[in-house]
Amino acid sequence: MHRFFCKTTGSPGEEAALSSAEQKHLFKILRAVPGDQVELLDGNGKVTSAEVSSGKALKIVSVKQHSKPKPDLYLFVAPPKRQKMDQLLRQCSEVGIGHIHPILTKRSVSSPDKISERWITLLQEGCKQSGNPFLPHIGAPMSFNNFLKMTKEQNISAFFGAIRGETPSPENITGDIAWIVGPEGGFTEEEEDQMLTAGVKPLRLGSYVLRVETAVICGASLLNFLSNRGD
């Protein structure tokens, strides 16, 4: 079933209004006809089933509100260059990351100063593909020191990738979770020392160095599993 983003829907029997871009996709590209079924996501957990009716209208059939997975999963990442960042964002939606914060490190190859509308669109695409009803929230880019301060103040169980790290046992993961991924060149020794001092734990994903976009998904998936997130 095809999925579309629709911030405001309604109750069964009412009509849902798609944005012009989503409406064009449904009727001009997919050539939807009366009787076709679609799902509408609002990004906040609501999934609406709707049916195409005459006059290119969408009639709401049913509405379901999902509970947000717990614990919350944060991603702090040094953004890679554009093409890799595009892939990374789609996959963040697919694995259910709740919050994304770009961080600026000494070896960062990309230093965005604001959140792009393109990033939001890519996250929506990942949600539509995977069926994830919760659109990840993207925070403003932050400095390395501010990210450490945030995880400490909010008492988040934070981890960064390290070949010499360990895989934590589930009982050692308490509260919300943060997964920290550095740039292609890795964190500097000083940055690793700062994280260890701040209580960020090294997490082993394997014996080899991973690309940023690979590390993001592998680490997030492992932490999802270890924390029984969403169960």
Protein backbone atom coordinates (compact mmCIF):
# COMPACT_ATOMS: atom_id res chain seq x y z
CA MET A 1 0.00 0.00 0.00
CA HIS A 2 1.32 3.45 -0.90
CA ARG A 3 1.93 5.90 1.94
CA PHE A 4 1.78 9.70 1.97
CA PHE A 5 2.48 12.46 4.46
CA CYS A 6 -0.56 14.41 5.60
CA LYS A 7 -0.14 16.65 8.65
CA THR A 8 -3.87 17.07 9.21
CA THR A 9 -6.40 14.34 8.49
CA GLY A 10 -9.66 13.95 10.42
CA SER A 11 -12.17 11.31 11.45
CA PRO A 12 -13.63 8.35 9.53
CA GLY A 13 -16.04 9.55 6.86
CA GLU A 14 -14.30 12.91 6.42
CA GLU A 15 -11.96 13.88 3.59
CA ALA A 16 -8.21 14.24 3.96
CA ALA A 17 -6.33 16.96 2.08
CA LEU A 18 -2.87 16.13 0.71
CA SER A 19 -0.24 18.73 -0.09
CA SER A 20 0.02 19.65 -3.77
CA ALA A 21 3.21 17.59 -4.14
CA GLU A 22 1.70 14.48 -2.54
CA GLN A 23 -1.52 14.88 -4.51
CA LYS A 24 0.45 15.11 -7.75
CA HIS A 25 2.34 11.94 -6.84
CA LEU A 26 -0.87 10.06 -6.07
CA PHE A 27 -2.95 11.07 -9.07
CA LYS A 28 -0.49 12.00 -11.83
CA ILE A 29 2.38 9.60 -11.18
CA LEU A 30 0.62 6.64 -9.56
CA ARG A 31 -2.63 7.28 -11.48
CA ALA A 32 -4.83 6.43 -8.53
CA VAL A 33 -8.49 5.64 -9.27
CA PRO A 34 -11.59 5.43 -7.05
CA GLY A 35 -11.38 2.42 -4.75
CA ASP A 36 -7.60 2.50 -4.31
CA GLN A 37 -6.43 2.33 -0.69
CA VAL A 38 -3.64 4.49 0.78
CA GLU A 39 -2.08 5.18 4.19
CA LEU A 40 -1.51 8.68 5.52
CA LEU A 41 1.19 9.48 8.08
CA ASP A 42 1.27 12.68 10.13
CA GLY A 43 4.74 12.07 11.62
CA ASN A 44 3.40 12.06 15.18
CA GLY A 45 2.20 8.47 15.38
CA LYS A 46 -1.15 8.75 13.64
CA VAL A 47 -1.75 6.34 10.74
CA THR A 48 -4.86 6.98 8.68
CA SER A 49 -6.31 4.54 6.16
CA ALA A 50 -8.09 6.28 3.30
CA GLU A 51 -9.80 5.38 0.04
CA VAL A 52 -9.72 7.31 -3.21
CA SER A 53 -13.18 8.50 -4.17
CA SER A 54 -14.56 10.41 -7.15
CA GLY A 55 -13.26 13.90 -7.81
CA LYS A 56 -9.74 13.00 -6.69
CA ALA A 57 -10.83 13.01 -3.06
CA LEU A 58 -9.55 10.88 -0.17
CA LYS A 59 -12.18 9.53 2.20
CA ILE A 60 -10.92 8.51 5.63
CA VAL A 61 -11.75 4.91 6.54
CA SER A 62 -9.97 4.44 9.88
CA VAL A 63 -7.46 6.15 12.18
CA LYS A 64 -4.94 4.55 14.54
CA GLN A 65 -2.70 6.39 17.01
CA HIS A 66 0.56 4.59 17.82
CA SER A 67 2.50 4.98 21.07
CA LYS A 68 6.00 6.37 20.73
CA PRO A 69 8.73 3.72 21.20
CA LYS A 70 10.61 3.84 24.49
CA PRO A 71 13.35 4.50 25.35
CA ASP A 72 14.00 7.45 23.04
CA LEU A 73 16.91 7.01 20.64
CA TYR A 74 19.15 9.99 19.85
CA LEU A 75 21.72 10.18 17.06
CA PHE A 76 24.61 12.63 17.29
CA VAL A 77 26.51 12.52 14.00
CA ALA A 78 29.23 14.45 12.21
CA PRO A 79 27.45 14.88 8.84
CA PRO A 80 29.13 13.31 5.80
CA LYS A 81 28.98 14.96 2.39
CA ARG A 82 25.62 15.41 0.65
CA GLN A 83 25.04 12.09 -1.13
CA LYS A 84 25.97 10.04 1.93
CA MET A 85 23.94 12.31 4.18
CA ASP A 86 20.89 11.75 1.96
CA GLN A 87 21.22 7.99 2.36
CA LEU A 88 21.82 8.30 6.09
CA LEU A 89 18.68 10.36 6.71
CA ARG A 90 16.36 7.97 4.90
CA GLN A 91 17.79 5.07 6.88
CA CYS A 92 17.41 6.95 10.19
CA SER A 93 13.65 6.91 9.61
CA GLU A 94 13.74 3.23 8.68
CA VAL A 95 15.39 2.14 11.95
CA GLY A 96 13.29 4.41 14.16
CA ILE A 97 15.80 7.00 15.37
CA GLY A 98 13.81 9.62 17.28
CA HIS A 99 16.16 12.62 17.32
CA ILE A 100 19.03 13.60 15.05
CA HIS A 101 21.61 16.21 16.05
CA PRO A 102 24.43 17.12 13.63
CA ILE A 103 27.64 17.74 15.60
CA LEU A 104 30.76 19.64 14.62
CA THR A 105 34.04 17.85 15.30
CA LYS A 106 37.66 18.67 14.55
CA ARG A 107 37.67 16.38 11.50
CA SER A 108 34.17 17.21 10.20
CA VAL A 109 33.93 17.30 6.40
CA SER A 110 30.59 19.11 6.38
CA SER A 111 29.50 21.93 8.68
CA PRO A 112 25.84 22.83 8.10
CA ASP A 113 24.67 26.02 9.80
CA LYS A 114 20.95 25.24 9.58
CA ILE A 115 18.46 22.45 8.93
CA SER A 116 17.60 22.01 5.27
CA GLU A 117 14.04 21.43 4.03
CA ARG A 118 15.60 18.73 1.86
CA TRP A 119 16.58 16.85 5.02
CA ILE A 120 12.97 16.88 6.22
CA THR A 121 11.79 15.55 2.85
CA LEU A 122 14.32 12.71 2.97
CA LEU A 123 13.19 11.73 6.47
CA GLN A 124 9.60 11.69 5.26
CA GLU A 125 10.60 9.45 2.35
CA GLY A 126 12.18 7.00 4.81
CA CYS A 127 9.03 6.97 6.94
CA LYS A 128 6.80 6.35 3.92
CA GLN A 129 9.00 3.51 2.71
CA SER A 130 9.24 1.80 6.09
CA GLY A 131 5.86 2.61 7.59
CA ASN A 132 7.45 4.34 10.60
CA PRO A 133 4.68 6.61 11.95
CA PHE A 134 7.10 8.90 13.80
CA LEU A 135 9.13 11.44 11.85
CA PRO A 136 12.58 11.90 13.43
CA HIS A 137 13.19 15.33 14.90
CA ILE A 138 16.27 17.16 13.63
CA GLY A 139 17.91 19.57 16.05
CA ALA A 140 20.15 22.46 15.09
CA PRO A 141 23.84 21.65 14.52
CA MET A 142 25.75 21.81 17.79
CA SER A 143 29.33 21.92 18.95
CA PHE A 144 31.08 18.86 20.35
CA ASN A 145 31.12 20.33 23.86
CA ASN A 146 27.41 21.18 23.78
CA PHE A 147 26.52 17.64 22.72
CA LEU A 148 28.46 16.25 25.71
CA LYS A 149 26.69 18.72 27.99
CA MET A 150 23.27 17.70 26.66
CA THR A 151 23.77 13.96 27.17
CA LYS A 152 25.03 14.54 30.71
CA GLU A 153 22.25 16.95 31.73
CA GLN A 154 19.51 14.67 30.36
CA ASN A 155 21.11 11.55 31.87
CA ILE A 156 21.19 9.75 28.51
CA SER A 157 23.01 6.41 28.14
CA ALA A 158 25.51 7.42 25.45
CA PHE A 159 27.75 5.25 23.27
CA PHE A 160 30.33 5.83 20.54
CA GLY A 161 31.86 3.33 18.14
CA ALA A 162 35.25 1.93 19.09
CA ILE A 163 37.06 -1.19 17.88
CA ARG A 164 38.41 -1.68 21.41
CA GLY A 165 35.00 -1.16 22.98
CA GLU A 166 32.56 -3.72 24.35
CA THR A 167 28.95 -4.69 23.72
CA PRO A 168 26.90 -3.64 26.77
CA SER A 169 24.45 -5.99 28.44
CA PRO A 170 20.79 -4.88 28.30
CA GLU A 171 20.63 -4.22 32.05
CA ASN A 172 23.38 -1.60 31.69
CA ILE A 173 21.27 0.48 29.29
CA THR A 174 18.96 2.72 31.31
CA GLY A 175 16.87 5.72 30.28
CA ASP A 176 17.08 7.25 26.83
CA ILE A 177 19.90 6.23 24.50
CA ALA A 178 22.38 8.22 22.41
CA TRP A 179 24.49 6.85 19.57
CA ILE A 180 27.44 9.05 18.59
CA VAL A 181 29.09 8.71 15.18
CA GLY A 182 32.13 10.75 14.17
CA PRO A 183 33.40 11.86 10.75
CA GLU A 184 35.10 9.64 8.16
CA GLY A 185 38.47 10.44 9.73
CA GLY A 186 37.20 9.40 13.14
CA PHE A 187 37.28 11.28 16.43
CA THR A 188 40.58 12.69 17.61
CA GLU A 189 42.19 11.16 20.69
CA GLU A 190 41.29 14.31 22.60
CA GLU A 191 37.62 13.97 21.63
CA GLU A 192 37.56 10.31 22.64
CA ASP A 193 39.11 11.22 26.00
CA GLN A 194 36.46 13.92 26.47
CA MET A 195 33.67 11.43 25.77
CA LEU A 196 35.10 8.84 28.15
CA THR A 197 35.46 11.48 30.87
CA ALA A 198 31.83 12.51 30.30
CA GLY A 199 30.62 8.92 30.72
CA VAL A 200 30.11 8.09 27.05
CA LYS A 201 30.87 4.39 26.63
CA PRO A 202 32.79 2.77 23.75
CA LEU A 203 30.66 0.30 21.78
CA ARG A 204 32.23 -2.40 19.63
CA LEU A 205 30.48 -3.12 16.31
CA GLY A 206 33.18 -5.32 14.81
CA SER A 207 36.84 -5.50 13.91
CA TYR A 208 36.81 -3.04 11.02
CA VAL A 209 36.40 0.70 10.51
CA LEU A 210 32.93 1.56 9.18
CA ARG A 211 31.74 4.39 6.98
CA VAL A 212 29.61 7.00 8.71
CA GLU A 213 26.35 5.90 7.09
CA THR A 214 27.11 2.24 7.88
CA ALA A 215 28.04 2.95 11.49
CA VAL A 216 24.86 4.97 12.05
CA ILE A 217 22.55 2.12 11.08
CA CYS A 218 24.55 -0.72 12.64
CA GLY A 219 24.88 1.03 15.98
CA ALA A 220 21.28 2.22 16.10
CA SER A 221 19.98 -1.25 15.24
CA LEU A 222 22.14 -2.91 17.88
CA LEU A 223 21.06 -0.45 20.58
CA ASN A 224 17.43 -0.92 19.56
CA PHE A 225 17.85 -4.65 20.09
CA LEU A 226 19.78 -4.46 23.35
CA SER A 227 17.29 -2.05 24.92
CA ASN A 228 14.20 -3.97 23.74
CA ARG A 229 13.09 -0.64 22.35
CA GLY A 230 9.45 -0.51 21.37
CA ASP A 231 8.55 -3.83 23.03
